[in-house]
Amino acid sequence: MTRKILAVVVAAVLIIGGTVGVCAADEPHMRAALERLKEAKEQLEKAAPNKGGHREKAIELINHAIEQVKKGIEFGEMHEGHGRY
């Protein structure tokens, strides 16, 4: 199960890395990434807590990723039409 948690976190990081800081035209991708992160968090929260703290750490990292995506969306909305950032 630890490998599954790690896979979710890695996927989340890749999603974020590929989407944060894009222009407003790419907002649907940011919003899709946000939804996937929320789904991943839900799955981790449903998992048994006996993972040596790794499940909790994964949830913490996803919470951070969610906040970063939200900030990226807000930034894109404030700078709409100004190209890539």
PDB file of N, CA and C in Angstrom:
ATOM      1  N   MET A   1       0.813  -1.191   0.000  1.00  0.00           N
ATOM      2  CA  MET A   1       0.000   0.000   0.000  1.00  0.00           C
ATOM      3  C   MET A   1       0.859   1.258   0.000  1.00  0.00           C
ATOM      4  N   THR A   2       2.031   1.191   0.614  1.00  0.00           N
ATOM      5  CA  THR A   2       2.923   2.348   0.637  1.00  0.00           C
ATOM      6  C   THR A   2       3.298   2.760  -0.785  1.00  0.00           C
ATOM      7  N   ARG A   3       3.476   1.788  -1.662  1.00  0.00           N
ATOM      8  CA  ARG A   3       3.807   2.122  -3.058  1.00  0.00           C
ATOM      9  C   ARG A   3       2.655   2.848  -3.742  1.00  0.00           C
ATOM     10  N   LYS A   4       1.428   2.464  -3.399  1.00  0.00           N
ATOM     11  CA  LYS A   4       0.273   3.151  -3.978  1.00  0.00           C
ATOM     12  C   LYS A   4       0.227   4.596  -3.510  1.00  0.00           C
ATOM     13  N   ILE A   5       0.491   4.816  -2.230  1.00  0.00           N
ATOM     14  CA  ILE A   5       0.503   6.178  -1.690  1.00  0.00           C
ATOM     15  C   ILE A   5       1.580   6.987  -2.378  1.00  0.00           C
ATOM     16  N   LEU A   6       2.768   6.416  -2.505  1.00  0.00           N
ATOM     17  CA  LEU A   6       3.864   7.098  -3.178  1.00  0.00           C
ATOM     18  C   LEU A   6       3.494   7.419  -4.624  1.00  0.00           C
ATOM     19  N   ALA A   7       2.838   6.478  -5.294  1.00  0.00           N
ATOM     20  CA  ALA A   7       2.429   6.699  -6.683  1.00  0.00           C
ATOM     21  C   ALA A   7       1.452   7.863  -6.790  1.00  0.00           C
ATOM     22  N   VAL A   8       0.521   7.957  -5.829  1.00  0.00           N
ATOM     23  CA  VAL A   8      -0.449   9.059  -5.836  1.00  0.00           C
ATOM     24  C   VAL A   8       0.268  10.390  -5.653  1.00  0.00           C
ATOM     25  N   VAL A   9       1.204  10.433  -4.711  1.00  0.00           N
ATOM     26  CA  VAL A   9       1.931  11.678  -4.454  1.00  0.00           C
ATOM     27  C   VAL A   9       2.769  12.069  -5.667  1.00  0.00           C
ATOM     28  N   VAL A  10       3.454  11.113  -6.264  1.00  0.00           N
ATOM     29  CA  VAL A  10       4.265  11.393  -7.459  1.00  0.00           C
ATOM     30  C   VAL A  10       3.377  11.905  -8.587  1.00  0.00           C
ATOM     31  N   ALA A  11       2.235  11.266  -8.778  1.00  0.00           N
ATOM     32  CA  ALA A  11       1.311  11.708  -9.828  1.00  0.00           C
ATOM     33  C   ALA A  11       0.838  13.136  -9.559  1.00  0.00           C
ATOM     34  N   ALA A  12       0.536  13.418  -8.300  1.00  0.00           N
ATOM     35  CA  ALA A  12       0.092  14.770  -7.945  1.00  0.00           C
ATOM     36  C   ALA A  12       1.171  15.797  -8.243  1.00  0.00           C
ATOM     37  N   VAL A  13       2.399  15.474  -7.886  1.00  0.00           N
ATOM     38  CA  VAL A  13       3.510  16.398  -8.138  1.00  0.00           C
ATOM     39  C   VAL A  13       3.688  16.614  -9.637  1.00  0.00           C
ATOM     40  N   LEU A  14       3.576  15.550 -10.424  1.00  0.00           N
ATOM     41  CA  LEU A  14       3.714  15.691 -11.876  1.00  0.00           C
ATOM     42  C   LEU A  14       2.583  16.532 -12.465  1.00  0.00           C
ATOM     43  N   ILE A  15       1.375  16.330 -11.950  1.00  0.00           N
ATOM     44  CA  ILE A  15       0.242  17.129 -12.428  1.00  0.00           C
ATOM     45  C   ILE A  15       0.488  18.596 -12.124  1.00  0.00           C
ATOM     46  N   ILE A  16       0.902  18.862 -10.883  1.00  0.00           N
ATOM     47  CA  ILE A  16       1.134  20.245 -10.466  1.00  0.00           C
ATOM     48  C   ILE A  16       2.276  20.849 -11.274  1.00  0.00           C
ATOM     49  N   GLY A  17       3.367  20.129 -11.399  1.00  0.00           N
ATOM     50  CA  GLY A  17       4.523  20.637 -12.134  1.00  0.00           C
ATOM     51  C   GLY A  17       4.186  20.969 -13.572  1.00  0.00           C
ATOM     52  N   GLY A  18       3.250  20.227 -14.133  1.00  0.00           N
ATOM     53  CA  GLY A  18       2.875  20.464 -15.521  1.00  0.00           C
ATOM     54  C   GLY A  18       1.824  21.527 -15.709  1.00  0.00           C
ATOM     55  N   THR A  19       1.203  21.966 -14.597  1.00  0.00           N
ATOM     56  CA  THR A  19       0.092  22.891 -14.774  1.00  0.00           C
ATOM     57  C   THR A  19       0.249  24.216 -14.052  1.00  0.00           C
ATOM     58  N   VAL A  20       0.999  24.286 -12.977  1.00  0.00           N
ATOM     59  CA  VAL A  20       1.115  25.543 -12.233  1.00  0.00           C
ATOM     60  C   VAL A  20       1.831  26.573 -13.075  1.00  0.00           C
ATOM     61  N   GLY A  21       1.319  27.774 -13.075  1.00  0.00           N
ATOM     62  CA  GLY A  21       1.976  28.876 -13.759  1.00  0.00           C
ATOM     63  C   GLY A  21       1.623  29.020 -15.228  1.00  0.00           C
ATOM     64  N   VAL A  22       0.607  28.324 -15.700  1.00  0.00           N
ATOM     65  CA  VAL A  22       0.222  28.483 -17.096  1.00  0.00           C
ATOM     66  C   VAL A  22      -0.756  29.631 -17.234  1.00  0.00           C
ATOM     67  N   CYS A  23      -0.923  30.104 -18.446  1.00  0.00           N
ATOM     68  CA  CYS A  23      -1.790  31.257 -18.661  1.00  0.00           C
ATOM     69  C   CYS A  23      -3.258  30.897 -18.473  1.00  0.00           C
ATOM     70  N   ALA A  24      -4.091  31.900 -18.444  1.00  0.00           N
ATOM     71  CA  ALA A  24      -5.509  31.718 -18.170  1.00  0.00           C
ATOM     72  C   ALA A  24      -6.192  30.812 -19.190  1.00  0.00           C
ATOM     73  N   ALA A  25      -5.686  30.755 -20.407  1.00  0.00           N
ATOM     74  CA  ALA A  25      -6.274  29.888 -21.419  1.00  0.00           C
ATOM     75  C   ALA A  25      -6.211  28.430 -20.994  1.00  0.00           C
ATOM     76  N   ASP A  26      -5.302  28.090 -20.097  1.00  0.00           N
ATOM     77  CA  ASP A  26      -5.141  26.713 -19.633  1.00  0.00           C
ATOM     78  C   ASP A  26      -5.866  26.444 -18.319  1.00  0.00           C
ATOM     79  N   GLU A  27      -6.728  27.342 -17.882  1.00  0.00           N
ATOM     80  CA  GLU A  27      -7.439  27.153 -16.616  1.00  0.00           C
ATOM     81  C   GLU A  27      -8.134  25.806 -16.502  1.00  0.00           C
ATOM     82  N   PRO A  28      -8.749  25.269 -17.546  1.00  0.00           N
ATOM     83  CA  PRO A  28      -9.419  23.977 -17.394  1.00  0.00           C
ATOM     84  C   PRO A  28      -8.462  22.889 -16.897  1.00  0.00           C
ATOM     85  N   HIS A  29      -7.216  22.963 -17.265  1.00  0.00           N
ATOM     86  CA  HIS A  29      -6.238  21.971 -16.823  1.00  0.00           C
ATOM     87  C   HIS A  29      -5.921  22.145 -15.343  1.00  0.00           C
ATOM     88  N   MET A  30      -5.845  23.389 -14.914  1.00  0.00           N
ATOM     89  CA  MET A  30      -5.599  23.660 -13.498  1.00  0.00           C
ATOM     90  C   MET A  30      -6.774  23.157 -12.668  1.00  0.00           C
ATOM     91  N   ARG A  31      -7.968  23.429 -13.141  1.00  0.00           N
ATOM     92  CA  ARG A  31      -9.163  22.995 -12.405  1.00  0.00           C
ATOM     93  C   ARG A  31      -9.272  21.472 -12.408  1.00  0.00           C
ATOM     94  N   ALA A  32      -8.908  20.834 -13.506  1.00  0.00           N
ATOM     95  CA  ALA A  32      -8.923  19.372 -13.569  1.00  0.00           C
ATOM     96  C   ALA A  32      -7.892  18.790 -12.597  1.00  0.00           C
ATOM     97  N   ALA A  33      -6.721  19.405 -12.546  1.00  0.00           N
ATOM     98  CA  ALA A  33      -5.688  18.956 -11.607  1.00  0.00           C
ATOM     99  C   ALA A  33      -6.177  19.090 -10.172  1.00  0.00           C
ATOM    100  N   LEU A  34      -6.852  20.187  -9.884  1.00  0.00           N
ATOM    101  CA  LEU A  34      -7.389  20.418  -8.544  1.00  0.00           C
ATOM    102  C   LEU A  34      -8.384  19.318  -8.173  1.00  0.00           C
ATOM    103  N   GLU A  35      -9.258  18.964  -9.098  1.00  0.00           N
ATOM    104  CA  GLU A  35     -10.233  17.906  -8.833  1.00  0.00           C
ATOM    105  C   GLU A  35      -9.548  16.561  -8.601  1.00  0.00           C
ATOM    106  N   ARG A  36      -8.521  16.250  -9.394  1.00  0.00           N
ATOM    107  CA  ARG A  36      -7.798  14.972  -9.230  1.00  0.00           C
ATOM    108  C   ARG A  36      -7.083  14.918  -7.877  1.00  0.00           C
ATOM    109  N   LEU A  37      -6.533  16.045  -7.466  1.00  0.00           N
ATOM    110  CA  LEU A  37      -5.880  16.096  -6.162  1.00  0.00           C
ATOM    111  C   LEU A  37      -6.890  15.863  -5.041  1.00  0.00           C
ATOM    112  N   LYS A  38      -8.053  16.463  -5.165  1.00  0.00           N
ATOM    113  CA  LYS A  38      -9.092  16.255  -4.154  1.00  0.00           C
ATOM    114  C   LYS A  38      -9.531  14.799  -4.117  1.00  0.00           C
ATOM    115  N   GLU A  39      -9.629  14.179  -5.293  1.00  0.00           N
ATOM    116  CA  GLU A  39      -9.996  12.761  -5.363  1.00  0.00           C
ATOM    117  C   GLU A  39      -8.923  11.889  -4.715  1.00  0.00           C
ATOM    118  N   ALA A  40      -7.663  12.210  -4.977  1.00  0.00           N
ATOM    119  CA  ALA A  40      -6.563  11.452  -4.374  1.00  0.00           C
ATOM    120  C   ALA A  40      -6.586  11.583  -2.862  1.00  0.00           C
ATOM    121  N   LYS A  41      -6.867  12.786  -2.374  1.00  0.00           N
ATOM    122  CA  LYS A  41      -6.940  13.013  -0.935  1.00  0.00           C
ATOM    123  C   LYS A  41      -8.063  12.182  -0.321  1.00  0.00           C
ATOM    124  N   GLU A  42      -9.221  12.144  -0.981  1.00  0.00           N
ATOM    125  CA  GLU A  42     -10.340  11.346  -0.493  1.00  0.00           C
ATOM    126  C   GLU A  42      -9.957   9.884  -0.372  1.00  0.00           C
ATOM    127  N   GLN A  43      -9.273   9.367  -1.382  1.00  0.00           N
ATOM    128  CA  GLN A  43      -8.865   7.963  -1.348  1.00  0.00           C
ATOM    129  C   GLN A  43      -7.879   7.688  -0.209  1.00  0.00           C
ATOM    130  N   LEU A  44      -6.940   8.595  -0.024  1.00  0.00           N
ATOM    131  CA  LEU A  44      -5.978   8.427   1.070  1.00  0.00           C
ATOM    132  C   LEU A  44      -6.666   8.489   2.423  1.00  0.00           C
ATOM    133  N   GLU A  45      -7.653   9.362   2.557  1.00  0.00           N
ATOM    134  CA  GLU A  45      -8.372   9.479   3.824  1.00  0.00           C
ATOM    135  C   GLU A  45      -9.175   8.219   4.123  1.00  0.00           C
ATOM    136  N   LYS A  46      -9.609   7.507   3.086  1.00  0.00           N
ATOM    137  CA  LYS A  46     -10.365   6.264   3.261  1.00  0.00           C
ATOM    138  C   LYS A  46      -9.450   5.077   3.566  1.00  0.00           C
ATOM    139  N   ALA A  47      -8.179   5.198   3.233  1.00  0.00           N
ATOM    140  CA  ALA A  47      -7.220   4.106   3.455  1.00  0.00           C
ATOM    141  C   ALA A  47      -6.975   3.914   4.950  1.00  0.00           C
ATOM    142  N   ALA A  48      -6.617   2.700   5.311  1.00  0.00           N
ATOM    143  CA  ALA A  48      -6.293   2.403   6.710  1.00  0.00           C
ATOM    144  C   ALA A  48      -5.078   3.229   7.132  1.00  0.00           C
ATOM    145  N   PRO A  49      -5.063   3.717   8.370  1.00  0.00           N
ATOM    146  CA  PRO A  49      -3.989   4.608   8.816  1.00  0.00           C
ATOM    147  C   PRO A  49      -2.686   3.915   9.198  1.00  0.00           C
ATOM    148  N   ASN A  50      -2.603   2.619   9.067  1.00  0.00           N
ATOM    149  CA  ASN A  50      -1.421   1.879   9.525  1.00  0.00           C
ATOM    150  C   ASN A  50      -0.327   1.822   8.455  1.00  0.00           C
ATOM    151  N   LYS A  51       0.155   2.966   8.050  1.00  0.00           N
ATOM    152  CA  LYS A  51       1.162   3.032   6.974  1.00  0.00           C
ATOM    153  C   LYS A  51       2.457   3.684   7.434  1.00  0.00           C
ATOM    154  N   GLY A  52       2.723   3.650   8.721  1.00  0.00           N
ATOM    155  CA  GLY A  52       3.972   4.197   9.243  1.00  0.00           C
ATOM    156  C   GLY A  52       4.093   5.698   9.075  1.00  0.00           C
ATOM    157  N   GLY A  53       2.963   6.387   9.012  1.00  0.00           N
ATOM    158  CA  GLY A  53       2.982   7.833   8.861  1.00  0.00           C
ATOM    159  C   GLY A  53       3.029   8.312   7.420  1.00  0.00           C
ATOM    160  N   HIS A  54       3.232   7.402   6.476  1.00  0.00           N
ATOM    161  CA  HIS A  54       3.357   7.786   5.060  1.00  0.00           C
ATOM    162  C   HIS A  54       2.025   8.261   4.484  1.00  0.00           C
ATOM    163  N   ARG A  55       0.922   7.635   4.897  1.00  0.00           N
ATOM    164  CA  ARG A  55      -0.400   8.071   4.434  1.00  0.00           C
ATOM    165  C   ARG A  55      -0.656   9.501   4.883  1.00  0.00           C
ATOM    166  N   GLU A  56      -0.356   9.783   6.127  1.00  0.00           N
ATOM    167  CA  GLU A  56      -0.559  11.126   6.662  1.00  0.00           C
ATOM    168  C   GLU A  56       0.330  12.144   5.945  1.00  0.00           C
ATOM    169  N   LYS A  57       1.573  11.752   5.658  1.00  0.00           N
ATOM    170  CA  LYS A  57       2.492  12.649   4.947  1.00  0.00           C
ATOM    171  C   LYS A  57       1.982  12.909   3.529  1.00  0.00           C
ATOM    172  N   ALA A  58       1.455  11.869   2.883  1.00  0.00           N
ATOM    173  CA  ALA A  58       0.910  12.033   1.535  1.00  0.00           C
ATOM    174  C   ALA A  58      -0.271  13.002   1.550  1.00  0.00           C
ATOM    175  N   ILE A  59      -1.138  12.890   2.563  1.00  0.00           N
ATOM    176  CA  ILE A  59      -2.271  13.809   2.688  1.00  0.00           C
ATOM    177  C   ILE A  59      -1.764  15.234   2.882  1.00  0.00           C
ATOM    178  N   GLU A  60      -0.753  15.388   3.708  1.00  0.00           N
ATOM    179  CA  GLU A  60      -0.157  16.713   3.941  1.00  0.00           C
ATOM    180  C   GLU A  60       0.390  17.304   2.642  1.00  0.00           C
ATOM    181  N   LEU A  61       1.091  16.483   1.861  1.00  0.00           N
ATOM    182  CA  LEU A  61       1.652  16.960   0.593  1.00  0.00           C
ATOM    183  C   LEU A  61       0.557  17.316  -0.410  1.00  0.00           C
ATOM    184  N   ILE A  62      -0.491  16.526  -0.432  1.00  0.00           N
ATOM    185  CA  ILE A  62      -1.598  16.819  -1.339  1.00  0.00           C
ATOM    186  C   ILE A  62      -2.297  18.110  -0.916  1.00  0.00           C
ATOM    187  N   ASN A  63      -2.459  18.319   0.393  1.00  0.00           N
ATOM    188  CA  ASN A  63      -3.042  19.577   0.861  1.00  0.00           C
ATOM    189  C   ASN A  63      -2.213  20.763   0.378  1.00  0.00           C
ATOM    190  N   HIS A  64      -0.900  20.618   0.448  1.00  0.00           N
ATOM    191  CA  HIS A  64      -0.011  21.681  -0.030  1.00  0.00           C
ATOM    192  C   HIS A  64      -0.180  21.876  -1.543  1.00  0.00           C
ATOM    193  N   ALA A  65      -0.245  20.774  -2.274  1.00  0.00           N
ATOM    194  CA  ALA A  65      -0.416  20.857  -3.724  1.00  0.00           C
ATOM    195  C   ALA A  65      -1.741  21.526  -4.072  1.00  0.00           C
ATOM    196  N   ILE A  66      -2.804  21.193  -3.337  1.00  0.00           N
ATOM    197  CA  ILE A  66      -4.108  21.810  -3.573  1.00  0.00           C
ATOM    198  C   ILE A  66      -4.017  23.326  -3.397  1.00  0.00           C
ATOM    199  N   GLU A  67      -3.366  23.758  -2.342  1.00  0.00           N
ATOM    200  CA  GLU A  67      -3.221  25.199  -2.102  1.00  0.00           C
ATOM    201  C   GLU A  67      -2.431  25.871  -3.215  1.00  0.00           C
ATOM    202  N   GLN A  68      -1.376  25.209  -3.693  1.00  0.00           N
ATOM    203  CA  GLN A  68      -0.574  25.785  -4.768  1.00  0.00           C
ATOM    204  C   GLN A  68      -1.367  25.896  -6.062  1.00  0.00           C
ATOM    205  N   VAL A  69      -2.169  24.892  -6.379  1.00  0.00           N
ATOM    206  CA  VAL A  69      -2.992  24.948  -7.584  1.00  0.00           C
ATOM    207  C   VAL A  69      -4.011  26.077  -7.468  1.00  0.00           C
ATOM    208  N   LYS A  70      -4.632  26.208  -6.294  1.00  0.00           N
ATOM    209  CA  LYS A  70      -5.590  27.302  -6.093  1.00  0.00           C
ATOM    210  C   LYS A  70      -4.909  28.654  -6.299  1.00  0.00           C
ATOM    211  N   LYS A  71      -3.711  28.800  -5.761  1.00  0.00           N
ATOM    212  CA  LYS A  71      -2.974  30.056  -5.940  1.00  0.00           C
ATOM    213  C   LYS A  71      -2.628  30.279  -7.407  1.00  0.00           C
ATOM    214  N   GLY A  72      -2.277  29.206  -8.111  1.00  0.00           N
ATOM    215  CA  GLY A  72      -1.975  29.312  -9.536  1.00  0.00           C
ATOM    216  C   GLY A  72      -3.193  29.750 -10.336  1.00  0.00           C
ATOM    217  N   ILE A  73      -4.356  29.199  -9.980  1.00  0.00           N
ATOM    218  CA  ILE A  73      -5.598  29.593 -10.651  1.00  0.00           C
ATOM    219  C   ILE A  73      -5.884  31.062 -10.388  1.00  0.00           C
ATOM    220  N   GLU A  74      -5.758  31.480  -9.140  1.00  0.00           N
ATOM    221  CA  GLU A  74      -5.984  32.887  -8.789  1.00  0.00           C
ATOM    222  C   GLU A  74      -5.018  33.802  -9.543  1.00  0.00           C
ATOM    223  N   PHE A  75      -3.762  33.405  -9.600  1.00  0.00           N
ATOM    224  CA  PHE A  75      -2.763  34.206 -10.311  1.00  0.00           C
ATOM    225  C   PHE A  75      -3.128  34.318 -11.782  1.00  0.00           C
ATOM    226  N   GLY A  76      -3.497  33.190 -12.374  1.00  0.00           N
ATOM    227  CA  GLY A  76      -3.877  33.191 -13.785  1.00  0.00           C
ATOM    228  C   GLY A  76      -5.069  34.084 -14.056  1.00  0.00           C
ATOM    229  N   GLU A  77      -6.042  34.063 -13.131  1.00  0.00           N
ATOM    230  CA  GLU A  77      -7.220  34.909 -13.300  1.00  0.00           C
ATOM    231  C   GLU A  77      -6.860  36.389 -13.193  1.00  0.00           C
ATOM    232  N   MET A  78      -5.919  36.715 -12.318  1.00  0.00           N
ATOM    233  CA  MET A  78      -5.506  38.113 -12.145  1.00  0.00           C
ATOM    234  C   MET A  78      -4.696  38.611 -13.333  1.00  0.00           C
ATOM    235  N   HIS A  79      -3.989  37.712 -14.007  1.00  0.00           N
ATOM    236  CA  HIS A  79      -3.101  38.101 -15.094  1.00  0.00           C
ATOM    237  C   HIS A  79      -3.573  37.543 -16.436  1.00  0.00           C
ATOM    238  N   GLU A  80      -4.855  37.340 -16.571  1.00  0.00           N
ATOM    239  CA  GLU A  80      -5.427  36.760 -17.782  1.00  0.00           C
ATOM    240  C   GLU A  80      -4.992  37.520 -19.025  1.00  0.00           C
ATOM    241  N   GLY A  81      -4.587  36.743 -20.015  1.00  0.00           N
ATOM    242  CA  GLY A  81      -4.195  37.324 -21.289  1.00  0.00           C
ATOM    243  C   GLY A  81      -2.790  37.877 -21.345  1.00  0.00           C
ATOM    244  N   HIS A  82      -1.994  37.647 -20.322  1.00  0.00           N
ATOM    245  CA  HIS A  82      -0.623  38.182 -20.296  1.00  0.00           C
ATOM    246  C   HIS A  82       0.431  37.120 -20.591  1.00  0.00           C
ATOM    247  N   GLY A  83       0.030  35.994 -21.153  1.00  0.00           N
ATOM    248  CA  GLY A  83       1.001  34.969 -21.513  1.00  0.00           C
ATOM    249  C   GLY A  83       1.367  34.042 -20.371  1.00  0.00           C
ATOM    250  N   ARG A  84       2.427  33.286 -20.566  1.00  0.00           N
ATOM    251  CA  ARG A  84       2.854  32.278 -19.575  1.00  0.00           C
ATOM    252  C   ARG A  84       3.638  32.936 -18.452  1.00  0.00           C
ATOM    253  N   TYR A  85       3.500  32.353 -17.235  1.00  0.00           N
ATOM    254  CA  TYR A  85       4.218  32.853 -16.068  1.00  0.00           C
ATOM    255  C   TYR A  85       4.972  31.742 -15.411  1.00  0.00           C
TER     256      TYR A  85
END
